[in-house]
Protein backbone atom coordinates (compact mmCIF):
# COMPACT_ATOMS: atom_id res chain seq x y z
CA MET A 1 -18.70 -2.90 -11.11
CA ARG A 2 -16.47 -5.73 -9.78
CA LEU A 3 -16.43 -4.54 -6.36
CA ASP A 4 -20.38 -3.67 -6.17
CA LYS A 5 -21.50 -3.67 -2.44
CA LYS A 6 -18.05 -3.95 -1.11
CA ASN A 7 -16.77 -2.04 1.71
CA ILE A 8 -13.53 -0.80 1.26
CA ILE A 9 -10.89 1.30 3.29
CA VAL A 10 -7.87 2.24 1.83
CA THR A 11 -5.05 3.83 3.45
CA ALA A 12 -2.34 6.55 1.92
CA ALA A 13 -5.43 7.33 -0.41
CA ALA A 14 -4.60 10.92 -0.23
CA GLN A 15 -1.68 10.70 -3.87
CA GLY A 16 0.17 8.20 -6.11
CA ILE A 17 -0.81 4.67 -5.83
CA GLY A 18 -3.67 5.01 -2.95
CA LYS A 19 -5.23 7.59 -4.36
CA ALA A 20 -5.39 5.94 -8.17
CA THR A 21 -6.91 2.71 -6.23
CA ALA A 22 -9.29 4.46 -4.14
CA LEU A 23 -10.62 6.10 -7.36
CA ARG A 24 -10.48 2.71 -9.01
CA PHE A 25 -12.43 1.31 -6.07
CA ALA A 26 -14.92 3.44 -6.23
CA ASN A 27 -15.29 3.35 -10.02
CA GLU A 28 -15.67 -0.79 -9.61
CA GLY A 29 -18.85 -0.17 -7.41
CA ALA A 30 -16.85 -0.11 -3.74
CA THR A 31 -18.34 2.06 -1.00
CA VAL A 32 -14.63 3.67 -0.33
CA LEU A 33 -13.38 5.21 3.21
CA ALA A 34 -10.32 6.75 2.21
CA THR A 35 -7.60 7.46 4.78
CA ASP A 36 -4.62 9.57 5.10
CA ILE A 37 -2.73 12.48 7.22
CA ASN A 38 -3.20 15.11 4.30
CA GLU A 39 -6.88 16.17 4.56
CA ASP A 40 -6.34 18.95 2.02
CA ARG A 41 -5.29 16.08 -0.26
CA LEU A 42 -8.03 14.13 0.56
CA LYS A 43 -10.71 16.96 0.04
CA ASP A 44 -9.01 16.97 -3.32
CA LEU A 45 -9.81 13.65 -3.79
CA LYS A 46 -13.19 13.66 -2.57
CA LYS A 47 -13.80 16.39 -5.65
CA GLU A 48 -13.06 13.71 -8.25
CA ASN A 49 -15.29 11.58 -7.06
CA ASP A 50 -17.68 12.39 -3.99
CA ASN A 51 -19.10 8.73 -3.43
CA ILE A 52 -15.82 8.20 -1.16
CA GLN A 53 -15.32 8.66 2.37
CA ILE A 54 -12.65 10.51 3.66
CA ILE A 55 -11.41 10.87 7.05
CA LYS A 56 -7.59 12.08 8.46
CA LEU A 57 -6.09 9.33 9.61
CA ASP A 58 -2.09 9.05 11.49
CA ALA A 59 -1.96 4.80 10.62
CA THR A 60 1.09 4.83 12.93
CA ASN A 61 -0.88 6.32 15.99
CA LYS A 62 -2.50 3.45 18.17
CA ASN A 63 -5.16 5.65 19.63
CA GLU A 64 -6.45 7.27 16.58
CA VAL A 65 -6.31 4.15 14.37
CA GLU A 66 -8.28 1.84 17.24
CA ALA A 67 -10.88 5.16 17.74
CA PHE A 68 -11.30 4.95 13.72
CA CYS A 69 -11.91 1.16 13.65
CA SER A 70 -14.39 1.13 16.03
CA THR A 71 -16.59 3.15 14.12
CA VAL A 72 -16.17 0.67 11.55
CA ASP A 73 -19.16 -1.69 11.25
CA LYS A 74 -18.28 -3.64 8.04
CA ILE A 75 -15.23 -4.02 6.12
CA ASP A 76 -14.49 -6.53 3.16
CA VAL A 77 -11.31 -5.28 1.88
CA LEU A 78 -8.38 -3.75 3.80
CA PHE A 79 -6.09 -1.88 1.06
CA HIS A 80 -2.85 -0.72 3.12
CA ALA A 81 -0.42 1.38 1.19
CA VAL A 82 1.41 3.93 3.90
CA GLY A 83 4.74 3.91 3.23
CA PHE A 84 8.08 6.07 3.56
CA VAL A 85 11.19 5.49 1.26
CA HIS A 86 14.25 6.40 3.21
CA HIS A 87 17.75 7.03 0.74
CA GLY A 88 21.10 5.84 2.33
CA THR A 89 23.29 2.34 3.53
CA ILE A 90 23.07 1.37 6.96
CA LEU A 91 25.56 3.82 7.99
CA ASP A 92 23.25 6.46 6.88
CA CYS A 93 20.54 5.41 8.49
CA ASP A 94 20.81 6.26 12.73
CA GLU A 95 18.51 4.99 15.37
CA ASN A 96 15.59 7.74 14.74
CA GLU A 97 15.42 7.11 10.96
CA PHE A 98 15.22 3.22 11.60
CA SER A 99 12.34 3.61 14.03
CA ARG A 100 10.62 5.81 11.68
CA SER A 101 10.88 3.46 9.37
CA ILE A 102 9.38 0.68 10.85
CA ASN A 103 6.96 2.15 12.57
CA VAL A 104 5.49 3.75 9.25
CA ASN A 105 6.27 1.14 6.77
CA VAL A 106 5.63 -2.02 9.69
CA PHE A 107 3.63 -0.62 12.42
CA SER A 108 1.20 0.83 10.72
CA ALA A 109 0.58 -2.06 8.49
CA TYR A 110 0.26 -4.07 12.00
CA LEU A 111 -1.90 -1.24 13.92
CA MET A 112 -4.62 -1.21 11.09
CA THR A 113 -4.90 -5.33 10.38
CA HIS A 114 -4.77 -6.00 14.05
CA ASN A 115 -8.22 -3.89 14.66
CA LEU A 116 -9.77 -4.50 11.48
CA LEU A 117 -8.87 -8.38 10.74
CA PRO A 118 -11.18 -9.46 13.69
CA LYS A 119 -14.35 -7.17 11.80
CA MET A 120 -13.45 -9.83 8.94
CA LEU A 121 -13.60 -13.11 11.06
CA LYS A 122 -17.25 -12.09 12.03
CA GLU A 123 -18.21 -12.10 8.83
CA LYS A 124 -16.08 -15.26 7.86
CA LYS A 125 -14.92 -13.44 4.82
CA GLY A 126 -12.11 -10.87 3.89
CA SER A 127 -8.87 -9.42 1.60
CA ILE A 128 -6.35 -7.69 2.97
CA VAL A 129 -4.09 -6.13 0.24
CA ILE A 130 -0.63 -4.90 1.51
CA VAL A 131 1.75 -2.60 -1.05
CA SER A 132 5.32 -3.75 -0.13
CA SER A 133 8.04 -3.55 -3.13
CA ALA A 134 10.07 -5.39 -5.25
CA ALA A 135 13.16 -3.44 -3.12
CA SER A 136 12.62 -5.89 -0.47
CA ASN A 137 13.72 -9.49 0.51
CA VAL A 138 13.12 -10.50 -3.76
CA LYS A 139 16.00 -7.90 -4.75
CA GLY A 140 18.30 -5.81 -3.75
CA ALA A 141 18.57 -2.03 -4.30
CA PRO A 142 21.34 0.43 -3.53
CA ASN A 143 20.63 3.09 -0.82
CA ARG A 144 17.22 1.39 0.34
CA PHE A 145 18.88 -0.53 3.07
CA ILE A 146 16.09 0.40 5.82
CA TYR A 147 13.38 0.74 3.09
CA GLY A 148 14.17 -3.04 1.09
CA THR A 149 14.50 -4.27 5.04
CA THR A 150 10.72 -3.19 6.24
CA LYS A 151 9.42 -3.95 2.69
CA ALA A 152 10.76 -7.54 3.29
CA ALA A 153 9.22 -7.82 7.04
CA LEU A 154 5.82 -6.76 5.12
CA ASN A 155 6.42 -9.66 3.07
CA GLY A 156 6.32 -12.10 5.64
CA PHE A 157 3.31 -10.41 7.61
CA VAL A 158 1.35 -10.96 4.55
CA LYS A 159 2.48 -14.88 3.96
CA ALA A 160 1.98 -15.16 8.17
CA ILE A 161 -1.63 -13.24 8.03
CA ALA A 162 -2.32 -15.83 4.80
CA ILE A 163 -1.78 -19.08 6.59
CA ASP A 164 -2.75 -18.35 9.89
CA HIS A 165 -6.56 -17.01 8.81
CA VAL A 166 -6.66 -19.55 5.40
CA LYS A 167 -9.41 -21.27 7.07
CA ASP A 168 -11.22 -18.47 8.10
CA GLY A 169 -12.25 -17.09 4.58
CA ILE A 170 -9.17 -14.48 4.99
CA ARG A 171 -7.13 -13.92 2.18
CA CYS A 172 -3.84 -11.57 2.65
CA ASN A 173 -1.54 -10.92 -0.58
CA ALA A 174 1.04 -8.51 -1.87
CA ILE A 175 1.62 -6.09 -4.58
CA LEU A 176 5.21 -5.60 -4.86
CA PRO A 177 5.94 -2.54 -7.18
CA GLY A 178 9.04 -1.48 -8.96
CA THR A 179 9.49 2.27 -9.63
CA VAL A 180 5.65 4.25 -9.67
CA GLU A 181 5.58 7.69 -10.97
CA THR A 182 3.98 9.35 -8.00
CA PRO A 183 4.17 12.58 -6.27
CA SER A 184 6.14 11.07 -3.81
CA TRP A 185 8.54 9.51 -6.43
CA GLU A 186 8.62 13.20 -7.72
CA GLY A 187 9.51 14.43 -4.96
CA ARG A 188 12.85 12.18 -4.27
CA VAL A 189 13.95 12.61 -7.67
CA ASN A 190 13.63 16.70 -7.11
CA MET A 191 16.05 16.68 -4.11
CA ALA A 192 18.58 14.93 -6.13
CA GLU A 193 21.99 16.54 -7.27
CA ASP A 194 20.97 16.32 -10.58
CA PRO A 195 17.41 15.95 -10.92
CA ILE A 196 17.64 15.17 -14.79
CA GLN A 197 20.35 12.52 -14.63
CA ALA A 198 18.17 11.09 -11.72
CA ARG A 199 14.99 10.46 -13.48
CA SER A 200 16.83 9.19 -16.79
CA ASP A 201 18.41 6.59 -13.98
CA PHE A 202 15.11 5.56 -12.53
CA ILE A 203 14.02 4.73 -15.74
CA ALA A 204 17.02 3.05 -17.03
CA ARG A 205 16.70 0.33 -15.06
CA GLN A 206 13.15 -0.80 -15.80
CA ALA A 207 13.55 -3.37 -18.10
CA MET A 208 10.23 -1.69 -20.07
CA GLY A 209 12.20 1.24 -20.30
CA ARG A 210 9.37 3.66 -18.60
CA LEU A 211 8.22 3.80 -15.14
CA ALA A 212 5.39 2.25 -13.73
CA GLN A 213 1.33 4.55 -13.53
CA PRO A 214 -0.16 4.37 -10.21
CA GLU A 215 -3.36 3.38 -12.01
CA GLU A 216 -1.55 0.14 -13.40
CA ILE A 217 -1.10 -1.01 -9.62
CA ALA A 218 -4.60 -0.10 -9.18
CA SER A 219 -5.41 -2.56 -11.86
CA LEU A 220 -4.16 -5.58 -10.14
CA ALA A 221 -5.49 -4.00 -6.52
CA THR A 222 -9.00 -4.55 -7.97
CA TYR A 223 -8.38 -8.22 -8.96
CA LEU A 224 -7.14 -8.73 -5.60
CA ALA A 225 -9.55 -6.99 -4.08
CA SER A 226 -12.58 -8.69 -5.90
CA ASP A 227 -14.26 -12.32 -5.80
CA GLU A 228 -12.24 -12.80 -8.88
CA SER A 229 -9.21 -13.55 -6.65
CA ASP A 230 -10.81 -15.74 -4.05
CA PHE A 231 -8.37 -18.49 -4.91
CA VAL A 232 -5.46 -16.33 -4.02
CA THR A 233 -3.79 -15.76 -0.96
CA GLY A 234 -0.02 -15.61 1.02
CA THR A 235 1.15 -14.53 -3.01
CA LEU A 236 3.82 -11.44 -3.60
CA ASN A 237 2.68 -10.09 -6.96
CA LEU A 238 5.39 -8.46 -8.72
CA ILE A 239 4.27 -5.68 -10.88
CA ASP A 240 7.57 -4.21 -11.69
CA GLY A 241 8.15 -3.68 -15.71
CA GLY A 242 10.35 -6.61 -15.80
CA TRP A 243 13.12 -5.12 -13.07
CA THR A 244 13.50 -8.38 -11.16
CA LEU A 245 14.56 -10.47 -13.93
């Protein structure tokens, strides 16, 4: 019960890292409000833990986010996991794809934080946890031009929030995973010309010789959301199996 009595909002909670984290938070005693654009998968999440509240939300839509946040009375933790992985170099990324990635990966974090931070400031305490990536300003990854760019921006976002509000009781930290075995990852692998080889290549680049599981990311998220990490802010927490060594 490490998160007992905490009110937590989890975005991108319908699958992968978001889902595993929402379940872990709820199992640790938190009151969890899980959001996603995929309402059907949110309903599946609720079947696994009926104590989790669910609401369909497009975190890139300003009007939707503002309307949703206006209904939130008290929040202790925001766990933001919204993200999109674009494949390709700068030459493969046209202006529409560029804008989409900025919108999904960065603007959504801005909207959620901008609208929920005042509620945390009112309580003089709060934890914001942003899912970034090791593929960012930390490590260059082939064919991840705009993905790495946006995740680097998120790392700067976290540092800025942390320094601006460190005296206000607000903590902001990032989680930087390596490759995680999620439905999103499975989908990208299955779209490759040779899915078997693509899967093998992903695993081979991990120093530990395996992919991360969403539940492992959720464990780190639980620490950052809990009072155990009250002296931790502005950190970029690598959880990549040694990929960046």
